[in-house]
């Protein structure tokens, strides 16, 4: 993986023609800002992001279901049908 600063991105036309993922850092503070993913990896990267999103939604649904199981139904309330 290559490293580049924001200034490198602005001044280099070759920056956007690479087939490698580039880690973008703040040149002054030496902090990581993010990544540049070239179009070469676009389909694989989008599939990866979709899988992450599905896993996140599934984990949230499992948390909600577990919380629902722990919530007792009292005499004055009506169940929602989730077993």
Protein backbone atom coordinates (compact mmCIF):
# COMPACT_ATOMS: atom_id res chain seq x y z
CA UNK A 1 0.00 0.00 0.00
CA UNK A 2 1.29 3.40 -0.93
CA UNK A 3 1.16 6.53 1.23
CA UNK A 4 0.46 10.00 -0.10
CA UNK A 5 -0.45 13.42 1.21
CA UNK A 6 -3.27 15.65 0.01
CA UNK A 7 -0.67 17.79 -1.75
CA UNK A 8 0.50 14.73 -3.68
CA UNK A 9 -3.06 14.17 -4.83
CA UNK A 10 -3.41 17.70 -6.14
CA UNK A 11 -0.16 17.89 -8.07
CA UNK A 12 0.12 14.41 -9.59
CA UNK A 13 -1.94 13.24 -12.55
CA UNK A 14 -0.47 9.73 -12.13
CA UNK A 15 -2.04 9.52 -8.68
CA UNK A 16 -5.42 8.55 -10.12
CA UNK A 17 -4.00 6.09 -12.65
CA UNK A 18 -2.61 3.61 -10.12
CA UNK A 19 -3.83 0.08 -9.42
CA UNK A 20 -2.90 0.18 -5.75
CA UNK A 21 -4.83 1.34 -2.70
CA UNK A 22 -3.28 4.55 -1.37
CA UNK A 23 -3.33 5.62 2.26
CA UNK A 24 -3.90 9.38 2.40
CA UNK A 25 -2.24 11.19 5.29
CA UNK A 26 -2.20 14.76 6.52
CA UNK A 27 1.32 15.96 5.71
CA UNK A 28 1.55 18.37 8.62
CA UNK A 29 0.01 16.34 11.43
CA UNK A 30 0.98 12.89 10.10
CA UNK A 31 -2.58 11.66 10.72
CA UNK A 32 -4.32 9.19 8.48
CA UNK A 33 -7.24 10.77 6.58
CA UNK A 34 -8.49 7.80 4.60
CA UNK A 35 -7.86 5.67 1.57
CA UNK A 36 -8.01 6.09 -2.18
CA UNK A 37 -9.42 2.98 -3.87
CA UNK A 38 -8.82 2.94 -7.64
CA UNK A 39 -11.51 1.96 -10.13
CA UNK A 40 -9.58 -1.27 -10.70
CA UNK A 41 -10.93 -2.48 -7.31
CA UNK A 42 -14.35 -0.84 -7.57
CA UNK A 43 -16.54 -3.96 -7.90
CA UNK A 44 -14.64 -5.93 -5.25
CA UNK A 45 -14.64 -2.98 -2.86
CA UNK A 46 -18.37 -2.33 -3.31
CA UNK A 47 -19.10 -6.01 -2.65
CA UNK A 48 -16.96 -5.79 0.51
CA UNK A 49 -18.84 -2.69 1.69
CA UNK A 50 -22.20 -4.37 1.02
CA UNK A 51 -21.15 -7.42 3.06
CA UNK A 52 -20.09 -5.16 5.95
CA UNK A 53 -23.43 -3.37 5.79
CA UNK A 54 -25.34 -6.66 5.83
CA UNK A 55 -23.36 -7.90 8.84
CA UNK A 56 -23.98 -4.64 10.68
CA UNK A 57 -27.73 -4.77 10.01
CA UNK A 58 -27.88 -8.43 11.05
CA UNK A 59 -26.06 -7.69 14.31
CA UNK A 60 -28.47 -4.84 15.05
CA UNK A 61 -31.46 -7.10 14.33
CA UNK A 62 -30.06 -9.78 16.65
CA UNK A 63 -29.57 -7.18 19.40
CA UNK A 64 -33.15 -5.97 18.95
CA UNK A 65 -34.48 -9.54 19.04
CA UNK A 66 -32.51 -10.35 22.19
CA UNK A 67 -33.74 -7.15 23.85
CA UNK A 68 -37.30 -8.07 22.87
CA UNK A 69 -36.90 -11.51 24.48
CA UNK A 70 -35.77 -9.89 27.73
CA UNK A 71 -38.70 -7.46 27.78
CA UNK A 72 -41.45 -9.14 29.82
CA UNK A 73 -45.07 -8.81 28.79
CA UNK A 74 -47.15 -7.57 31.71
CA UNK A 75 -50.86 -8.06 32.28
CA UNK A 76 -51.87 -4.75 30.71
CA UNK A 77 -49.73 -5.05 27.57
CA UNK A 78 -50.21 -6.89 24.29
CA UNK A 79 -47.53 -9.11 22.77
CA UNK A 80 -46.13 -8.29 19.35
CA UNK A 81 -45.99 -11.88 18.14
CA UNK A 82 -42.21 -12.17 18.19
CA UNK A 83 -41.20 -15.47 19.72
